[in-house]
Amino acid sequence: MPIRLIAKELYRLIKEVDKVREQIETARPEQLEKLKDRLRKLTAERDRMRNILEGSKEKK
């Protein structure tokens, strides 16, 4: 995957993580568990993309 696409995906994931964090702050109690699970998954994916991007930079 080209670095440019990885960077775009990373940016999208960062924005999505921020959005979910904001939703958690204003969420009703019955929504919290679902949002926290989504945040956990998005954070893991964001970290994975960040590691892929860092690895791609090191190869050059």
PDB file of N, CA and C in Angstrom:
ATOM      1  N   MET A   1       0.852  -1.171   0.000  1.00  0.00           N
ATOM      2  CA  MET A   1       0.000   0.000   0.000  1.00  0.00           C
ATOM      3  C   MET A   1       0.903   1.241   0.000  1.00  0.00           C
ATOM      4  N   PRO A   2       0.656   2.183  -0.891  1.00  0.00           N
ATOM      5  CA  PRO A   2       1.483   3.394  -0.938  1.00  0.00           C
ATOM      6  C   PRO A   2       1.386   4.216   0.345  1.00  0.00           C
ATOM      7  N   ILE A   3       2.476   4.872   0.665  1.00  0.00           N
ATOM      8  CA  ILE A   3       2.537   5.680   1.887  1.00  0.00           C
ATOM      9  C   ILE A   3       1.413   6.708   1.933  1.00  0.00           C
ATOM     10  N   ARG A   4       1.120   7.297   0.808  1.00  0.00           N
ATOM     11  CA  ARG A   4       0.077   8.330   0.746  1.00  0.00           C
ATOM     12  C   ARG A   4      -1.277   7.786   1.211  1.00  0.00           C
ATOM     13  N   LEU A   5      -1.619   6.582   0.761  1.00  0.00           N
ATOM     14  CA  LEU A   5      -2.891   5.979   1.172  1.00  0.00           C
ATOM     15  C   LEU A   5      -2.885   5.606   2.656  1.00  0.00           C
ATOM     16  N   ILE A   6      -1.746   5.138   3.136  1.00  0.00           N
ATOM     17  CA  ILE A   6      -1.627   4.814   4.560  1.00  0.00           C
ATOM     18  C   ILE A   6      -1.821   6.079   5.392  1.00  0.00           C
ATOM     19  N   ALA A   7      -1.194   7.167   4.959  1.00  0.00           N
ATOM     20  CA  ALA A   7      -1.315   8.433   5.681  1.00  0.00           C
ATOM     21  C   ALA A   7      -2.753   8.939   5.677  1.00  0.00           C
ATOM     22  N   LYS A   8      -3.437   8.814   4.548  1.00  0.00           N
ATOM     23  CA  LYS A   8      -4.847   9.228   4.478  1.00  0.00           C
ATOM     24  C   LYS A   8      -5.714   8.411   5.430  1.00  0.00           C
ATOM     25  N   GLU A   9      -5.475   7.105   5.447  1.00  0.00           N
ATOM     26  CA  GLU A   9      -6.245   6.225   6.328  1.00  0.00           C
ATOM     27  C   GLU A   9      -5.953   6.547   7.794  1.00  0.00           C
ATOM     28  N   LEU A  10      -4.697   6.810   8.101  1.00  0.00           N
ATOM     29  CA  LEU A  10      -4.325   7.185   9.470  1.00  0.00           C
ATOM     30  C   LEU A  10      -5.036   8.470   9.877  1.00  0.00           C
ATOM     31  N   TYR A  11      -5.048   9.452   8.995  1.00  0.00           N
ATOM     32  CA  TYR A  11      -5.725  10.717   9.280  1.00  0.00           C
ATOM     33  C   TYR A  11      -7.215  10.488   9.533  1.00  0.00           C
ATOM     34  N   ARG A  12      -7.837   9.651   8.711  1.00  0.00           N
ATOM     35  CA  ARG A  12      -9.262   9.358   8.877  1.00  0.00           C
ATOM     36  C   ARG A  12      -9.519   8.690  10.231  1.00  0.00           C
ATOM     37  N   LEU A  13      -8.648   7.769  10.598  1.00  0.00           N
ATOM     38  CA  LEU A  13      -8.805   7.071  11.875  1.00  0.00           C
ATOM     39  C   LEU A  13      -8.605   8.009  13.060  1.00  0.00           C
ATOM     40  N   ILE A  14      -7.654   8.925  12.960  1.00  0.00           N
ATOM     41  CA  ILE A  14      -7.437   9.898  14.030  1.00  0.00           C
ATOM     42  C   ILE A  14      -8.688  10.740  14.225  1.00  0.00           C
ATOM     43  N   LYS A  15      -9.271  11.203  13.124  1.00  0.00           N
ATOM     44  CA  LYS A  15     -10.496  12.009  13.206  1.00  0.00           C
ATOM     45  C   LYS A  15     -11.654  11.193  13.785  1.00  0.00           C
ATOM     46  N   GLU A  16     -11.761   9.945  13.396  1.00  0.00           N
ATOM     47  CA  GLU A  16     -12.836   9.083  13.886  1.00  0.00           C
ATOM     48  C   GLU A  16     -12.674   8.828  15.386  1.00  0.00           C
ATOM     49  N   VAL A  17     -11.450   8.606  15.844  1.00  0.00           N
ATOM     50  CA  VAL A  17     -11.188   8.414  17.280  1.00  0.00           C
ATOM     51  C   VAL A  17     -11.606   9.663  18.048  1.00  0.00           C
ATOM     52  N   ASP A  18     -11.242  10.826  17.536  1.00  0.00           N
ATOM     53  CA  ASP A  18     -11.623  12.084  18.198  1.00  0.00           C
ATOM     54  C   ASP A  18     -13.141  12.229  18.266  1.00  0.00           C
ATOM     55  N   LYS A  19     -13.809  11.879  17.184  1.00  0.00           N
ATOM     56  CA  LYS A  19     -15.271  11.976  17.125  1.00  0.00           C
ATOM     57  C   LYS A  19     -15.933  11.067  18.154  1.00  0.00           C
ATOM     58  N   VAL A  20     -15.451   9.836  18.258  1.00  0.00           N
ATOM     59  CA  VAL A  20     -16.036   8.889  19.209  1.00  0.00           C
ATOM     60  C   VAL A  20     -15.761   9.342  20.646  1.00  0.00           C
ATOM     61  N   ARG A  21     -14.580   9.880  20.898  1.00  0.00           N
ATOM     62  CA  ARG A  21     -14.284  10.398  22.242  1.00  0.00           C
ATOM     63  C   ARG A  21     -15.248  11.509  22.620  1.00  0.00           C
ATOM     64  N   GLU A  22     -15.562  12.391  21.678  1.00  0.00           N
ATOM     65  CA  GLU A  22     -16.534  13.454  21.942  1.00  0.00           C
ATOM     66  C   GLU A  22     -17.919  12.872  22.206  1.00  0.00           C
ATOM     67  N   GLN A  23     -18.276  11.827  21.451  1.00  0.00           N
ATOM     68  CA  GLN A  23     -19.579  11.200  21.648  1.00  0.00           C
ATOM     69  C   GLN A  23     -19.671  10.556  23.028  1.00  0.00           C
ATOM     70  N   ILE A  24     -18.572   9.995  23.504  1.00  0.00           N
ATOM     71  CA  ILE A  24     -18.555   9.359  24.825  1.00  0.00           C
ATOM     72  C   ILE A  24     -18.829  10.396  25.916  1.00  0.00           C
ATOM     73  N   GLU A  25     -18.295  11.591  25.737  1.00  0.00           N
ATOM     74  CA  GLU A  25     -18.486  12.649  26.744  1.00  0.00           C
ATOM     75  C   GLU A  25     -19.947  13.030  26.913  1.00  0.00           C
ATOM     76  N   THR A  26     -20.715  12.935  25.839  1.00  0.00           N
ATOM     77  CA  THR A  26     -22.114  13.371  25.903  1.00  0.00           C
ATOM     78  C   THR A  26     -23.106  12.215  25.813  1.00  0.00           C
ATOM     79  N   ALA A  27     -22.613  10.993  25.816  1.00  0.00           N
ATOM     80  CA  ALA A  27     -23.479   9.829  25.616  1.00  0.00           C
ATOM     81  C   ALA A  27     -24.321   9.507  26.846  1.00  0.00           C
ATOM     82  N   ARG A  28     -25.439   8.887  26.563  1.00  0.00           N
ATOM     83  CA  ARG A  28     -26.276   8.380  27.641  1.00  0.00           C
ATOM     84  C   ARG A  28     -25.632   7.106  28.169  1.00  0.00           C
ATOM     85  N   PRO A  29     -25.915   6.763  29.415  1.00  0.00           N
ATOM     86  CA  PRO A  29     -25.291   5.581  30.030  1.00  0.00           C
ATOM     87  C   PRO A  29     -25.466   4.295  29.218  1.00  0.00           C
ATOM     88  N   GLU A  30     -26.615   4.120  28.597  1.00  0.00           N
ATOM     89  CA  GLU A  30     -26.846   2.881  27.844  1.00  0.00           C
ATOM     90  C   GLU A  30     -26.029   2.815  26.543  1.00  0.00           C
ATOM     91  N   GLN A  31     -25.494   3.935  26.099  1.00  0.00           N
ATOM     92  CA  GLN A  31     -24.680   3.971  24.883  1.00  0.00           C
ATOM     93  C   GLN A  31     -23.190   3.818  25.174  1.00  0.00           C
ATOM     94  N   LEU A  32     -22.794   4.041  26.405  1.00  0.00           N
ATOM     95  CA  LEU A  32     -21.372   4.097  26.752  1.00  0.00           C
ATOM     96  C   LEU A  32     -20.597   2.835  26.389  1.00  0.00           C
ATOM     97  N   GLU A  33     -21.126   1.689  26.721  1.00  0.00           N
ATOM     98  CA  GLU A  33     -20.389   0.447  26.483  1.00  0.00           C
ATOM     99  C   GLU A  33     -20.108   0.238  24.999  1.00  0.00           C
ATOM    100  N   LYS A  34     -21.108   0.476  24.174  1.00  0.00           N
ATOM    101  CA  LYS A  34     -20.948   0.322  22.731  1.00  0.00           C
ATOM    102  C   LYS A  34     -19.911   1.307  22.189  1.00  0.00           C
ATOM    103  N   LEU A  35     -19.971   2.545  22.649  1.00  0.00           N
ATOM    104  CA  LEU A  35     -19.023   3.565  22.182  1.00  0.00           C
ATOM    105  C   LEU A  35     -17.599   3.263  22.655  1.00  0.00           C
ATOM    106  N   LYS A  36     -17.468   2.781  23.881  1.00  0.00           N
ATOM    107  CA  LYS A  36     -16.136   2.445  24.397  1.00  0.00           C
ATOM    108  C   LYS A  36     -15.526   1.291  23.615  1.00  0.00           C
ATOM    109  N   ASP A  37     -16.345   0.331  23.247  1.00  0.00           N
ATOM    110  CA  ASP A  37     -15.863  -0.790  22.440  1.00  0.00           C
ATOM    111  C   ASP A  37     -15.420  -0.299  21.061  1.00  0.00           C
ATOM    112  N   ARG A  38     -16.213   0.576  20.471  1.00  0.00           N
ATOM    113  CA  ARG A  38     -15.856   1.147  19.165  1.00  0.00           C
ATOM    114  C   ARG A  38     -14.558   1.946  19.262  1.00  0.00           C
ATOM    115  N   LEU A  39     -14.410   2.707  20.336  1.00  0.00           N
ATOM    116  CA  LEU A  39     -13.197   3.495  20.543  1.00  0.00           C
ATOM    117  C   LEU A  39     -11.979   2.581  20.676  1.00  0.00           C
ATOM    118  N   ARG A  40     -12.132   1.498  21.400  1.00  0.00           N
ATOM    119  CA  ARG A  40     -11.030   0.551  21.567  1.00  0.00           C
ATOM    120  C   ARG A  40     -10.582  -0.021  20.224  1.00  0.00           C
ATOM    121  N   LYS A  41     -11.540  -0.409  19.399  1.00  0.00           N
ATOM    122  CA  LYS A  41     -11.220  -0.977  18.089  1.00  0.00           C
ATOM    123  C   LYS A  41     -10.580   0.062  17.170  1.00  0.00           C
ATOM    124  N   LEU A  42     -11.134   1.271  17.163  1.00  0.00           N
ATOM    125  CA  LEU A  42     -10.581   2.331  16.325  1.00  0.00           C
ATOM    126  C   LEU A  42      -9.169   2.720  16.766  1.00  0.00           C
ATOM    127  N   THR A  43      -8.958   2.765  18.066  1.00  0.00           N
ATOM    128  CA  THR A  43      -7.634   3.110  18.585  1.00  0.00           C
ATOM    129  C   THR A  43      -6.609   2.050  18.187  1.00  0.00           C
ATOM    130  N   ALA A  44      -6.995   0.798  18.259  1.00  0.00           N
ATOM    131  CA  ALA A  44      -6.091  -0.282  17.856  1.00  0.00           C
ATOM    132  C   ALA A  44      -5.770  -0.180  16.364  1.00  0.00           C
ATOM    133  N   GLU A  45      -6.769   0.089  15.555  1.00  0.00           N
ATOM    134  CA  GLU A  45      -6.559   0.228  14.115  1.00  0.00           C
ATOM    135  C   GLU A  45      -5.694   1.451  13.811  1.00  0.00           C
ATOM    136  N   ARG A  46      -5.942   2.550  14.522  1.00  0.00           N
ATOM    137  CA  ARG A  46      -5.128   3.760  14.345  1.00  0.00           C
ATOM    138  C   ARG A  46      -3.662   3.475  14.677  1.00  0.00           C
ATOM    139  N   ASP A  47      -3.439   2.796  15.776  1.00  0.00           N
ATOM    140  CA  ASP A  47      -2.065   2.465  16.183  1.00  0.00           C
ATOM    141  C   ASP A  47      -1.396   1.535  15.173  1.00  0.00           C
ATOM    142  N   ARG A  48      -2.166   0.604  14.636  1.00  0.00           N
ATOM    143  CA  ARG A  48      -1.630  -0.316  13.634  1.00  0.00           C
ATOM    144  C   ARG A  48      -1.219   0.445  12.371  1.00  0.00           C
ATOM    145  N   MET A  49      -2.070   1.366  11.933  1.00  0.00           N
ATOM    146  CA  MET A  49      -1.747   2.177  10.745  1.00  0.00           C
ATOM    147  C   MET A  49      -0.536   3.064  11.005  1.00  0.00           C
ATOM    148  N   ARG A  50      -0.459   3.615  12.194  1.00  0.00           N
ATOM    149  CA  ARG A  50       0.684   4.462  12.549  1.00  0.00           C
ATOM    150  C   ARG A  50       1.982   3.636  12.486  1.00  0.00           C
ATOM    151  N   ASN A  51       1.938   2.417  12.989  1.00  0.00           N
ATOM    152  CA  ASN A  51       3.113   1.547  12.949  1.00  0.00           C
ATOM    153  C   ASN A  51       3.480   1.175  11.516  1.00  0.00           C
ATOM    154  N   ILE A  52       2.483   0.916  10.684  1.00  0.00           N
ATOM    155  CA  ILE A  52       2.742   0.606   9.282  1.00  0.00           C
ATOM    156  C   ILE A  52       3.400   1.801   8.601  1.00  0.00           C
ATOM    157  N   LEU A  53       2.879   2.991   8.860  1.00  0.00           N
ATOM    158  CA  LEU A  53       3.442   4.197   8.255  1.00  0.00           C
ATOM    159  C   LEU A  53       4.882   4.413   8.718  1.00  0.00           C
ATOM    160  N   GLU A  54       5.127   4.244   9.991  1.00  0.00           N
ATOM    161  CA  GLU A  54       6.498   4.401  10.511  1.00  0.00           C
ATOM    162  C   GLU A  54       7.435   3.369   9.882  1.00  0.00           C
ATOM    163  N   GLY A  55       6.948   2.156   9.724  1.00  0.00           N
ATOM    164  CA  GLY A  55       7.761   1.110   9.101  1.00  0.00           C
ATOM    165  C   GLY A  55       8.064   1.426   7.648  1.00  0.00           C
ATOM    166  N   SER A  56       7.088   2.016   6.944  1.00  0.00           N
ATOM    167  CA  SER A  56       7.300   2.389   5.551  1.00  0.00           C
ATOM    168  C   SER A  56       8.328   3.493   5.422  1.00  0.00           C
ATOM    169  N   LYS A  57       8.318   4.421   6.353  1.00  0.00           N
ATOM    170  CA  LYS A  57       9.295   5.523   6.317  1.00  0.00           C
ATOM    171  C   LYS A  57      10.697   5.020   6.550  1.00  0.00           C
ATOM    172  N   GLU A  58      10.847   4.034   7.441  1.00  0.00           N
ATOM    173  CA  GLU A  58      12.172   3.521   7.790  1.00  0.00           C
ATOM    174  C   GLU A  58      12.803   2.750   6.630  1.00  0.00           C
ATOM    175  N   LYS A  59      11.999   2.153   5.776  1.00  0.00           N
ATOM    176  CA  LYS A  59      12.515   1.365   4.670  1.00  0.00           C
ATOM    177  C   LYS A  59      13.178   2.241   3.606  1.00  0.00           C
ATOM    178  N   LYS A  60      12.762   3.489   3.516  1.00  0.00           N
ATOM    179  CA  LYS A  60      13.307   4.381   2.481  1.00  0.00           C
ATOM    180  C   LYS A  60      14.625   4.952   2.842  1.00  0.00           C
TER     181      LYS A  60
END
